[in-house]
């Protein structure tokens, strides 16, 4: 299944702070997704609550 517009011409996810351009599409653990340390596993612990808040409509 292909999701049009989910990736840019270089094959990178299109997102803002881990929130994808398509409804319900989220990214965690990408390099420089929301901070410089986003690409490391420990940063997911910081990114996950923010993304969950977005999913639940609290952000």
PDB file of N, CA and C in Angstrom:
ATOM      1  N   UNK A   1       0.839  -1.172   0.000  1.00  0.00           N
ATOM      2  CA  UNK A   1       0.000   0.000   0.000  1.00  0.00           C
ATOM      3  C   UNK A   1       0.889   1.241   0.000  1.00  0.00           C
ATOM      4  N   UNK A   2       0.609   2.167  -0.871  1.00  0.00           N
ATOM      5  CA  UNK A   2       1.360   3.418  -0.934  1.00  0.00           C
ATOM      6  C   UNK A   2       0.490   4.549  -0.404  1.00  0.00           C
ATOM      7  N   UNK A   3       1.107   5.389   0.380  1.00  0.00           N
ATOM      8  CA  UNK A   3       0.415   6.560   0.914  1.00  0.00           C
ATOM      9  C   UNK A   3       0.985   7.785   0.209  1.00  0.00           C
ATOM     10  N   UNK A   4       0.224   8.335  -0.708  1.00  0.00           N
ATOM     11  CA  UNK A   4       0.729   9.486  -1.450  1.00  0.00           C
ATOM     12  C   UNK A   4       1.010  10.634  -0.505  1.00  0.00           C
ATOM     13  N   UNK A   5       2.065  11.330  -0.761  1.00  0.00           N
ATOM     14  CA  UNK A   5       2.499  12.509  -0.004  1.00  0.00           C
ATOM     15  C   UNK A   5       3.117  12.202   1.358  1.00  0.00           C
ATOM     16  N   UNK A   6       3.200  10.940   1.773  1.00  0.00           N
ATOM     17  CA  UNK A   6       3.784  10.596   3.073  1.00  0.00           C
ATOM     18  C   UNK A   6       5.303  10.753   3.058  1.00  0.00           C
ATOM     19  N   UNK A   7       5.905  10.602   1.878  1.00  0.00           N
ATOM     20  CA  UNK A   7       7.360  10.734   1.731  1.00  0.00           C
ATOM     21  C   UNK A   7       7.661  11.806   0.707  1.00  0.00           C
ATOM     22  N   UNK A   8       8.790  12.489   0.898  1.00  0.00           N
ATOM     23  CA  UNK A   8       9.200  13.496  -0.077  1.00  0.00           C
ATOM     24  C   UNK A   8       9.931  12.832  -1.242  1.00  0.00           C
ATOM     25  N   UNK A   9      10.440  13.631  -2.158  1.00  0.00           N
ATOM     26  CA  UNK A   9      11.114  13.115  -3.354  1.00  0.00           C
ATOM     27  C   UNK A   9      12.341  12.289  -3.010  1.00  0.00           C
ATOM     28  N   UNK A  10      12.966  12.562  -1.861  1.00  0.00           N
ATOM     29  CA  UNK A  10      14.149  11.813  -1.436  1.00  0.00           C
ATOM     30  C   UNK A  10      13.788  10.576  -0.617  1.00  0.00           C
ATOM     31  N   UNK A  11      12.494  10.324  -0.437  1.00  0.00           N
ATOM     32  CA  UNK A  11      12.070   9.155   0.311  1.00  0.00           C
ATOM     33  C   UNK A  11      12.028   9.355   1.816  1.00  0.00           C
ATOM     34  N   UNK A  12      12.119  10.616   2.256  1.00  0.00           N
ATOM     35  CA  UNK A  12      12.093  10.934   3.684  1.00  0.00           C
ATOM     36  C   UNK A  12      10.663  11.258   4.119  1.00  0.00           C
ATOM     37  N   UNK A  13      10.295  10.884   5.345  1.00  0.00           N
ATOM     38  CA  UNK A  13       8.945  11.182   5.827  1.00  0.00           C
ATOM     39  C   UNK A  13       8.662  12.682   5.855  1.00  0.00           C
ATOM     40  N   UNK A  14       7.468  13.059   5.416  1.00  0.00           N
ATOM     41  CA  UNK A  14       7.029  14.445   5.487  1.00  0.00           C
ATOM     42  C   UNK A  14       6.268  14.583   6.803  1.00  0.00           C
ATOM     43  N   UNK A  15       6.791  15.427   7.706  1.00  0.00           N
ATOM     44  CA  UNK A  15       6.193  15.552   9.036  1.00  0.00           C
ATOM     45  C   UNK A  15       6.576  16.874   9.672  1.00  0.00           C
ATOM     46  N   UNK A  16       5.901  17.207  10.743  1.00  0.00           N
ATOM     47  CA  UNK A  16       6.253  18.331  11.597  1.00  0.00           C
ATOM     48  C   UNK A  16       6.332  17.789  13.012  1.00  0.00           C
ATOM     49  N   UNK A  17       7.507  17.784  13.582  1.00  0.00           N
ATOM     50  CA  UNK A  17       7.733  17.248  14.933  1.00  0.00           C
ATOM     51  C   UNK A  17       7.175  15.836  15.105  1.00  0.00           C
ATOM     52  N   UNK A  18       7.288  15.012  14.082  1.00  0.00           N
ATOM     53  CA  UNK A  18       6.853  13.621  14.162  1.00  0.00           C
ATOM     54  C   UNK A  18       5.421  13.373  13.748  1.00  0.00           C
ATOM     55  N   UNK A  19       4.664  14.422  13.506  1.00  0.00           N
ATOM     56  CA  UNK A  19       3.273  14.285  13.063  1.00  0.00           C
ATOM     57  C   UNK A  19       3.273  14.322  11.538  1.00  0.00           C
ATOM     58  N   UNK A  20       2.872  13.207  10.942  1.00  0.00           N
ATOM     59  CA  UNK A  20       2.879  13.100   9.490  1.00  0.00           C
ATOM     60  C   UNK A  20       1.835  13.979   8.832  1.00  0.00           C
ATOM     61  N   UNK A  21       1.968  14.165   7.524  1.00  0.00           N
ATOM     62  CA  UNK A  21       1.040  15.008   6.782  1.00  0.00           C
ATOM     63  C   UNK A  21      -0.298  14.331   6.537  1.00  0.00           C
ATOM     64  N   UNK A  22      -0.345  13.026   6.705  1.00  0.00           N
ATOM     65  CA  UNK A  22      -1.597  12.296   6.532  1.00  0.00           C
ATOM     66  C   UNK A  22      -2.209  12.010   7.899  1.00  0.00           C
ATOM     67  N   UNK A  23      -3.518  12.110   8.024  1.00  0.00           N
ATOM     68  CA  UNK A  23      -4.170  11.849   9.312  1.00  0.00           C
ATOM     69  C   UNK A  23      -3.832  10.456   9.838  1.00  0.00           C
ATOM     70  N   UNK A  24      -3.433  10.397  11.119  1.00  0.00           N
ATOM     71  CA  UNK A  24      -3.128   9.119  11.750  1.00  0.00           C
ATOM     72  C   UNK A  24      -1.734   8.592  11.507  1.00  0.00           C
ATOM     73  N   UNK A  25      -0.892   9.361  10.819  1.00  0.00           N
ATOM     74  CA  UNK A  25       0.471   8.927  10.518  1.00  0.00           C
ATOM     75  C   UNK A  25       1.450   9.693  11.403  1.00  0.00           C
ATOM     76  N   UNK A  26       2.228   8.945  12.199  1.00  0.00           N
ATOM     77  CA  UNK A  26       3.168   9.542  13.139  1.00  0.00           C
ATOM     78  C   UNK A  26       4.528   8.870  12.987  1.00  0.00           C
ATOM     79  N   UNK A  27       5.584   9.621  13.326  1.00  0.00           N
ATOM     80  CA  UNK A  27       6.944   9.108  13.247  1.00  0.00           C
ATOM     81  C   UNK A  27       7.668   9.393  14.552  1.00  0.00           C
ATOM     82  N   UNK A  28       8.317   8.388  15.111  1.00  0.00           N
ATOM     83  CA  UNK A  28       9.149   8.562  16.301  1.00  0.00           C
ATOM     84  C   UNK A  28      10.522   7.980  15.994  1.00  0.00           C
ATOM     85  N   UNK A  29      11.545   8.605  16.535  1.00  0.00           N
ATOM     86  CA  UNK A  29      12.895   8.090  16.364  1.00  0.00           C
ATOM     87  C   UNK A  29      13.613   8.539  15.112  1.00  0.00           C
ATOM     88  N   UNK A  30      13.065   9.507  14.400  1.00  0.00           N
ATOM     89  CA  UNK A  30      13.744  10.016  13.213  1.00  0.00           C
ATOM     90  C   UNK A  30      14.824  11.010  13.622  1.00  0.00           C
ATOM     91  N   UNK A  31      15.933  11.030  12.890  1.00  0.00           N
ATOM     92  CA  UNK A  31      16.977  12.015  13.156  1.00  0.00           C
ATOM     93  C   UNK A  31      16.407  13.422  13.027  1.00  0.00           C
ATOM     94  N   UNK A  32      16.613  14.232  14.044  1.00  0.00           N
ATOM     95  CA  UNK A  32      16.199  15.625  14.065  1.00  0.00           C
ATOM     96  C   UNK A  32      14.695  15.820  13.854  1.00  0.00           C
ATOM     97  N   UNK A  33      13.881  14.852  14.274  1.00  0.00           N
ATOM     98  CA  UNK A  33      12.431  14.979  14.105  1.00  0.00           C
ATOM     99  C   UNK A  33      11.883  16.172  14.871  1.00  0.00           C
ATOM    100  N   UNK A  34      12.221  16.277  16.139  1.00  0.00           N
ATOM    101  CA  UNK A  34      11.766  17.429  16.920  1.00  0.00           C
ATOM    102  C   UNK A  34      12.910  18.077  17.689  1.00  0.00           C
ATOM    103  N   UNK A  35      13.973  17.321  17.959  1.00  0.00           N
ATOM    104  CA  UNK A  35      15.158  17.870  18.619  1.00  0.00           C
ATOM    105  C   UNK A  35      16.392  17.234  17.987  1.00  0.00           C
ATOM    106  N   UNK A  36      17.561  17.723  18.370  1.00  0.00           N
ATOM    107  CA  UNK A  36      18.803  17.159  17.821  1.00  0.00           C
ATOM    108  C   UNK A  36      18.996  15.710  18.224  1.00  0.00           C
ATOM    109  N   UNK A  37      18.477  15.325  19.391  1.00  0.00           N
ATOM    110  CA  UNK A  37      18.676  13.953  19.852  1.00  0.00           C
ATOM    111  C   UNK A  37      17.554  13.011  19.437  1.00  0.00           C
ATOM    112  N   UNK A  38      16.641  13.437  18.584  1.00  0.00           N
ATOM    113  CA  UNK A  38      15.496  12.622  18.190  1.00  0.00           C
ATOM    114  C   UNK A  38      15.864  11.252  17.628  1.00  0.00           C
ATOM    115  N   UNK A  39      17.003  11.130  17.020  1.00  0.00           N
ATOM    116  CA  UNK A  39      17.379   9.878  16.389  1.00  0.00           C
ATOM    117  C   UNK A  39      17.892   8.803  17.324  1.00  0.00           C
ATOM    118  N   UNK A  40      17.969   9.083  18.624  1.00  0.00           N
ATOM    119  CA  UNK A  40      18.461   8.059  19.540  1.00  0.00           C
ATOM    120  C   UNK A  40      17.294   7.444  20.303  1.00  0.00           C
ATOM    121  N   UNK A  41      17.464   6.215  20.716  1.00  0.00           N
ATOM    122  CA  UNK A  41      16.388   5.471  21.371  1.00  0.00           C
ATOM    123  C   UNK A  41      15.881   6.186  22.616  1.00  0.00           C
ATOM    124  N   UNK A  42      16.776   6.759  23.411  1.00  0.00           N
ATOM    125  CA  UNK A  42      16.354   7.430  24.638  1.00  0.00           C
ATOM    126  C   UNK A  42      15.432   8.618  24.372  1.00  0.00           C
ATOM    127  N   UNK A  43      15.543   9.235  23.226  1.00  0.00           N
ATOM    128  CA  UNK A  43      14.699  10.383  22.908  1.00  0.00           C
ATOM    129  C   UNK A  43      13.249   9.975  22.664  1.00  0.00           C
ATOM    130  N   UNK A  44      13.021   8.734  22.311  1.00  0.00           N
ATOM    131  CA  UNK A  44      11.651   8.270  22.079  1.00  0.00           C
ATOM    132  C   UNK A  44      10.820   8.412  23.346  1.00  0.00           C
ATOM    133  N   UNK A  45      11.442   8.254  24.514  1.00  0.00           N
ATOM    134  CA  UNK A  45      10.726   8.423  25.779  1.00  0.00           C
ATOM    135  C   UNK A  45      10.209   9.852  25.926  1.00  0.00           C
ATOM    136  N   UNK A  46      10.870  10.821  25.326  1.00  0.00           N
ATOM    137  CA  UNK A  46      10.402  12.200  25.351  1.00  0.00           C
ATOM    138  C   UNK A  46       9.403  12.476  24.236  1.00  0.00           C
ATOM    139  N   UNK A  47       9.606  11.864  23.083  1.00  0.00           N
ATOM    140  CA  UNK A  47       8.726  12.105  21.944  1.00  0.00           C
ATOM    141  C   UNK A  47       7.377  11.406  22.093  1.00  0.00           C
ATOM    142  N   UNK A  48       7.374  10.216  22.650  1.00  0.00           N
ATOM    143  CA  UNK A  48       6.154   9.413  22.723  1.00  0.00           C
ATOM    144  C   UNK A  48       5.007  10.115  23.444  1.00  0.00           C
ATOM    145  N   UNK A  49       5.212  10.689  24.631  1.00  0.00           N
ATOM    146  CA  UNK A  49       4.084  11.359  25.295  1.00  0.00           C
ATOM    147  C   UNK A  49       3.507  12.523  24.481  1.00  0.00           C
ATOM    148  N   UNK A  50       4.374  13.252  23.778  1.00  0.00           N
ATOM    149  CA  UNK A  50       3.892  14.358  22.961  1.00  0.00           C
ATOM    150  C   UNK A  50       3.055  13.831  21.801  1.00  0.00           C
ATOM    151  N   UNK A  51       3.508  12.767  21.164  1.00  0.00           N
ATOM    152  CA  UNK A  51       2.753  12.193  20.049  1.00  0.00           C
ATOM    153  C   UNK A  51       1.438  11.579  20.538  1.00  0.00           C
ATOM    154  N   UNK A  52       1.463  10.912  21.679  1.00  0.00           N
ATOM    155  CA  UNK A  52       0.227  10.357  22.244  1.00  0.00           C
ATOM    156  C   UNK A  52      -0.747  11.466  22.574  1.00  0.00           C
ATOM    157  N   UNK A  53      -0.244  12.579  23.132  1.00  0.00           N
ATOM    158  CA  UNK A  53      -1.100  13.727  23.396  1.00  0.00           C
ATOM    159  C   UNK A  53      -1.756  14.251  22.131  1.00  0.00           C
ATOM    160  N   UNK A  54      -0.997  14.261  21.054  1.00  0.00           N
ATOM    161  CA  UNK A  54      -1.551  14.698  19.770  1.00  0.00           C
ATOM    162  C   UNK A  54      -2.631  13.727  19.290  1.00  0.00           C
ATOM    163  N   UNK A  55      -2.347  12.451  19.412  1.00  0.00           N
ATOM    164  CA  UNK A  55      -3.313  11.429  18.982  1.00  0.00           C
ATOM    165  C   UNK A  55      -4.616  11.548  19.776  1.00  0.00           C
ATOM    166  N   UNK A  56      -4.486  11.802  21.083  1.00  0.00           N
ATOM    167  CA  UNK A  56      -5.666  11.913  21.939  1.00  0.00           C
ATOM    168  C   UNK A  56      -6.329  13.281  21.870  1.00  0.00           C
ATOM    169  N   UNK A  57      -5.702  14.203  21.139  1.00  0.00           N
ATOM    170  CA  UNK A  57      -6.288  15.525  20.962  1.00  0.00           C
ATOM    171  C   UNK A  57      -5.979  16.494  22.094  1.00  0.00           C
ATOM    172  N   UNK A  58      -4.909  16.234  22.829  1.00  0.00           N
ATOM    173  CA  UNK A  58      -4.540  17.110  23.941  1.00  0.00           C
ATOM    174  C   UNK A  58      -3.443  18.092  23.599  1.00  0.00           C
ATOM    175  N   UNK A  59      -3.126  18.238  22.333  1.00  0.00           N
ATOM    176  CA  UNK A  59      -2.064  19.203  21.998  1.00  0.00           C
ATOM    177  C   UNK A  59      -2.504  20.114  20.892  1.00  0.00           C
TER     178      UNK A  59
END
